[in-house]
Amino acid sequence: MIKQQSKPGGADVTFVLPETDPAGRVSVVGDFNDWTPGVHTLVRRSNGTRSVKVALPEGGAFRFRYLAEGGEWFDDPQVQHHDWQNGLVLT
């Protein structure tokens, strides 16, 4: 699940996954962090989820994917636009 909250000049985007699916550490990687794993690692929350908030500038589309421990790449099932070569697109 992805939550967006508008702010002047952009938006805070929160990436949310279930606590245990997939197991282990998960990072969200994309255009906004030069596709660098570990920059935005999801943190366990008391409500049974993991999440991370990323500040994104306004305008344009952002491509991203999740990277789980062990090198498993996966997509967010709730994102509508898929660009299979470059990841998912968040506008």
N, C-alpha and C. Protein backbone atom coordinates (compact mmCIF):
# COMPACT_ATOMS: atom_id res chain seq x y z
N MET A 1 0.85 -1.17 0.00
CA MET A 1 0.00 0.00 0.00
C MET A 1 0.90 1.24 0.00
N ILE A 2 0.44 2.25 -0.66
CA ILE A 2 1.17 3.51 -0.72
C ILE A 2 0.24 4.63 -0.31
N LYS A 3 0.72 5.48 0.60
CA LYS A 3 -0.05 6.64 1.04
C LYS A 3 0.71 7.88 0.64
N GLN A 4 -0.02 8.86 0.10
CA GLN A 4 0.60 10.12 -0.30
C GLN A 4 -0.02 11.27 0.46
N GLN A 5 0.82 12.16 0.96
CA GLN A 5 0.35 13.36 1.63
C GLN A 5 1.04 14.56 0.99
N SER A 6 0.23 15.40 0.34
CA SER A 6 0.78 16.57 -0.35
C SER A 6 1.36 17.56 0.65
N LYS A 7 2.41 18.24 0.20
CA LYS A 7 3.02 19.31 0.98
C LYS A 7 3.57 20.31 -0.03
N PRO A 8 3.88 21.53 0.39
CA PRO A 8 4.43 22.50 -0.55
C PRO A 8 5.69 21.95 -1.23
N GLY A 9 5.68 21.97 -2.55
CA GLY A 9 6.84 21.53 -3.32
C GLY A 9 6.92 20.04 -3.58
N GLY A 10 5.94 19.26 -3.12
CA GLY A 10 6.00 17.83 -3.36
C GLY A 10 5.03 17.04 -2.51
N ALA A 11 5.47 15.87 -2.07
CA ALA A 11 4.62 15.00 -1.27
C ALA A 11 5.47 14.09 -0.41
N ASP A 12 4.93 13.72 0.74
CA ASP A 12 5.49 12.64 1.54
C ASP A 12 4.78 11.37 1.12
N VAL A 13 5.54 10.39 0.69
CA VAL A 13 4.97 9.13 0.23
C VAL A 13 5.40 8.05 1.22
N THR A 14 4.42 7.34 1.77
CA THR A 14 4.71 6.27 2.72
C THR A 14 4.46 4.93 2.04
N PHE A 15 5.47 4.10 2.01
CA PHE A 15 5.40 2.76 1.44
C PHE A 15 5.13 1.79 2.58
N VAL A 16 4.10 0.96 2.46
CA VAL A 16 3.67 0.09 3.55
C VAL A 16 3.55 -1.35 3.04
N LEU A 17 4.11 -2.29 3.81
CA LEU A 17 4.01 -3.72 3.51
C LEU A 17 3.61 -4.48 4.76
N PRO A 18 3.04 -5.68 4.61
CA PRO A 18 2.76 -6.51 5.78
C PRO A 18 4.06 -6.82 6.54
N GLU A 19 3.94 -7.14 7.82
CA GLU A 19 5.11 -7.35 8.66
C GLU A 19 6.00 -8.51 8.21
N THR A 20 5.41 -9.57 7.68
CA THR A 20 6.20 -10.77 7.40
C THR A 20 6.22 -11.22 5.94
N ASP A 21 5.66 -10.47 5.04
CA ASP A 21 5.60 -10.92 3.66
C ASP A 21 6.21 -9.87 2.75
N PRO A 22 7.41 -10.03 2.29
CA PRO A 22 8.32 -11.16 2.49
C PRO A 22 9.07 -11.03 3.81
N ALA A 23 9.66 -12.14 4.24
CA ALA A 23 10.42 -12.16 5.49
C ALA A 23 11.73 -11.38 5.32
N GLY A 24 12.26 -10.88 6.41
CA GLY A 24 13.54 -10.19 6.39
C GLY A 24 13.41 -8.72 6.06
N ARG A 25 14.57 -8.09 5.90
CA ARG A 25 14.61 -6.65 5.61
C ARG A 25 14.16 -6.37 4.18
N VAL A 26 13.48 -5.23 4.01
CA VAL A 26 13.01 -4.80 2.70
C VAL A 26 13.32 -3.32 2.54
N SER A 27 13.84 -2.94 1.38
CA SER A 27 14.08 -1.54 1.03
C SER A 27 13.20 -1.17 -0.14
N VAL A 28 12.81 0.10 -0.20
CA VAL A 28 12.18 0.61 -1.41
C VAL A 28 13.29 1.37 -2.14
N VAL A 29 13.48 1.02 -3.41
CA VAL A 29 14.54 1.64 -4.20
C VAL A 29 13.94 2.18 -5.49
N GLY A 30 14.47 3.29 -5.95
CA GLY A 30 13.92 3.88 -7.15
C GLY A 30 14.68 5.10 -7.61
N ASP A 31 14.05 5.84 -8.52
CA ASP A 31 14.64 7.06 -9.06
C ASP A 31 15.06 8.02 -7.95
N PHE A 32 14.26 8.09 -6.90
CA PHE A 32 14.44 9.07 -5.83
C PHE A 32 15.63 8.77 -4.92
N ASN A 33 16.21 7.58 -4.99
CA ASN A 33 17.41 7.28 -4.21
C ASN A 33 18.49 6.59 -5.06
N ASP A 34 18.46 6.88 -6.35
CA ASP A 34 19.43 6.34 -7.30
C ASP A 34 19.50 4.81 -7.27
N TRP A 35 18.37 4.18 -6.98
CA TRP A 35 18.27 2.73 -6.96
C TRP A 35 19.28 2.10 -6.00
N THR A 36 19.50 2.75 -4.86
CA THR A 36 20.47 2.28 -3.88
C THR A 36 19.77 1.55 -2.74
N PRO A 37 19.98 0.25 -2.59
CA PRO A 37 19.37 -0.50 -1.50
C PRO A 37 19.84 0.01 -0.14
N GLY A 38 18.95 -0.07 0.84
CA GLY A 38 19.30 0.29 2.20
C GLY A 38 19.09 1.75 2.56
N VAL A 39 18.89 2.62 1.56
CA VAL A 39 18.67 4.04 1.85
C VAL A 39 17.30 4.24 2.50
N HIS A 40 16.30 3.55 2.00
CA HIS A 40 14.93 3.64 2.53
C HIS A 40 14.45 2.24 2.92
N THR A 41 14.87 1.78 4.09
CA THR A 41 14.50 0.46 4.60
C THR A 41 13.21 0.57 5.40
N LEU A 42 12.28 -0.33 5.12
CA LEU A 42 11.02 -0.33 5.85
C LEU A 42 11.25 -0.78 7.29
N VAL A 43 10.54 -0.11 8.23
CA VAL A 43 10.68 -0.35 9.66
C VAL A 43 9.40 -0.96 10.20
N ARG A 44 9.53 -1.93 11.08
CA ARG A 44 8.36 -2.58 11.69
C ARG A 44 7.60 -1.59 12.56
N ARG A 45 6.28 -1.61 12.46
CA ARG A 45 5.38 -0.75 13.23
C ARG A 45 4.54 -1.60 14.19
N SER A 46 3.97 -0.97 15.18
CA SER A 46 3.17 -1.68 16.19
C SER A 46 1.86 -2.23 15.62
N ASN A 47 1.44 -1.73 14.47
CA ASN A 47 0.16 -2.17 13.89
C ASN A 47 0.30 -3.40 12.99
N GLY A 48 1.48 -4.03 12.98
CA GLY A 48 1.66 -5.24 12.18
C GLY A 48 2.10 -4.98 10.75
N THR A 49 2.58 -3.79 10.46
CA THR A 49 3.07 -3.48 9.11
C THR A 49 4.52 -3.01 9.21
N ARG A 50 5.13 -2.83 8.05
CA ARG A 50 6.43 -2.18 7.93
C ARG A 50 6.24 -1.00 6.99
N SER A 51 6.93 0.10 7.26
CA SER A 51 6.76 1.26 6.39
C SER A 51 8.00 2.14 6.40
N VAL A 52 8.05 3.00 5.39
CA VAL A 52 9.07 4.03 5.31
C VAL A 52 8.46 5.21 4.57
N LYS A 53 8.78 6.42 5.04
CA LYS A 53 8.28 7.64 4.40
C LYS A 53 9.40 8.27 3.58
N VAL A 54 9.08 8.65 2.35
CA VAL A 54 10.04 9.26 1.44
C VAL A 54 9.47 10.59 0.97
N ALA A 55 10.26 11.66 1.07
CA ALA A 55 9.85 12.97 0.56
C ALA A 55 10.20 13.04 -0.92
N LEU A 56 9.19 13.28 -1.76
CA LEU A 56 9.39 13.36 -3.21
C LEU A 56 9.05 14.75 -3.70
N PRO A 57 9.83 15.28 -4.64
CA PRO A 57 9.52 16.59 -5.20
C PRO A 57 8.30 16.52 -6.11
N GLU A 58 7.68 17.67 -6.31
CA GLU A 58 6.48 17.69 -7.13
C GLU A 58 6.83 17.57 -8.60
N GLY A 59 5.89 17.00 -9.35
CA GLY A 59 6.06 16.87 -10.80
C GLY A 59 6.75 15.59 -11.19
N GLY A 60 6.31 15.03 -12.30
CA GLY A 60 6.96 13.85 -12.85
C GLY A 60 6.50 12.55 -12.23
N ALA A 61 7.00 11.49 -12.80
CA ALA A 61 6.70 10.15 -12.34
C ALA A 61 7.97 9.58 -11.71
N PHE A 62 7.79 8.70 -10.74
CA PHE A 62 8.91 8.08 -10.06
C PHE A 62 8.81 6.57 -10.21
N ARG A 63 9.90 5.96 -10.59
CA ARG A 63 9.93 4.50 -10.75
C ARG A 63 10.56 3.91 -9.50
N PHE A 64 10.00 2.77 -9.07
CA PHE A 64 10.53 2.12 -7.87
C PHE A 64 10.16 0.64 -7.86
N ARG A 65 10.86 -0.10 -7.04
CA ARG A 65 10.55 -1.49 -6.74
C ARG A 65 10.99 -1.74 -5.30
N TYR A 66 10.55 -2.85 -4.77
CA TYR A 66 11.02 -3.27 -3.45
C TYR A 66 12.12 -4.29 -3.63
N LEU A 67 13.09 -4.28 -2.71
CA LEU A 67 14.17 -5.26 -2.72
C LEU A 67 14.23 -5.91 -1.35
N ALA A 68 13.95 -7.21 -1.32
CA ALA A 68 13.96 -7.96 -0.06
C ALA A 68 15.34 -8.55 0.17
N GLU A 69 15.57 -8.91 1.42
CA GLU A 69 16.80 -9.58 1.82
C GLU A 69 17.01 -10.80 0.91
N GLY A 70 18.23 -11.02 0.50
CA GLY A 70 18.52 -12.14 -0.38
C GLY A 70 18.42 -11.79 -1.86
N GLY A 71 18.15 -10.52 -2.18
CA GLY A 71 18.13 -10.09 -3.58
C GLY A 71 16.83 -10.29 -4.31
N GLU A 72 15.72 -10.52 -3.61
CA GLU A 72 14.41 -10.71 -4.26
C GLU A 72 13.77 -9.36 -4.56
N TRP A 73 13.61 -9.06 -5.85
CA TRP A 73 12.92 -7.85 -6.29
C TRP A 73 11.43 -8.15 -6.41
N PHE A 74 10.57 -7.20 -6.01
CA PHE A 74 9.14 -7.38 -6.23
C PHE A 74 8.45 -6.04 -6.33
N ASP A 75 7.24 -6.06 -6.89
CA ASP A 75 6.46 -4.86 -7.14
C ASP A 75 5.36 -4.69 -6.11
N ASP A 76 4.86 -3.49 -5.98
CA ASP A 76 3.72 -3.22 -5.12
C ASP A 76 2.46 -3.58 -5.90
N PRO A 77 1.65 -4.51 -5.39
CA PRO A 77 0.48 -4.97 -6.14
C PRO A 77 -0.60 -3.91 -6.32
N GLN A 78 -0.56 -2.83 -5.54
CA GLN A 78 -1.60 -1.82 -5.63
C GLN A 78 -1.28 -0.69 -6.60
N VAL A 79 -0.07 -0.67 -7.14
CA VAL A 79 0.29 0.38 -8.10
C VAL A 79 -0.24 -0.01 -9.47
N GLN A 80 -0.92 0.91 -10.11
CA GLN A 80 -1.62 0.62 -11.36
C GLN A 80 -0.72 0.56 -12.58
N HIS A 81 0.27 1.43 -12.68
CA HIS A 81 1.07 1.53 -13.91
C HIS A 81 2.37 0.76 -13.75
N HIS A 82 2.57 -0.21 -14.60
CA HIS A 82 3.78 -1.01 -14.57
C HIS A 82 4.65 -0.67 -15.76
N ASP A 83 5.90 -0.39 -15.51
CA ASP A 83 6.90 -0.23 -16.54
C ASP A 83 7.92 -1.34 -16.29
N TRP A 84 7.75 -2.46 -16.96
CA TRP A 84 8.49 -3.67 -16.62
C TRP A 84 9.99 -3.51 -16.77
N GLN A 85 10.44 -2.58 -17.58
CA GLN A 85 11.87 -2.40 -17.75
C GLN A 85 12.47 -1.59 -16.60
N ASN A 86 11.69 -0.64 -16.07
CA ASN A 86 12.24 0.30 -15.08
C ASN A 86 11.58 0.27 -13.72
N GLY A 87 10.62 -0.62 -13.49
CA GLY A 87 9.94 -0.67 -12.21
C GLY A 87 8.54 -0.09 -12.31
N LEU A 88 7.95 0.18 -11.17
CA LEU A 88 6.61 0.73 -11.12
C LEU A 88 6.66 2.24 -11.15
N VAL A 89 5.59 2.86 -11.60
CA VAL A 89 5.56 4.31 -11.74
C VAL A 89 4.55 4.89 -10.77
N LEU A 90 5.01 5.83 -9.99
CA LEU A 90 4.16 6.56 -9.05
C LEU A 90 4.10 8.00 -9.53
N THR A 91 2.89 8.50 -9.78
CA THR A 91 2.76 9.87 -10.27
C THR A 91 2.07 10.75 -9.25
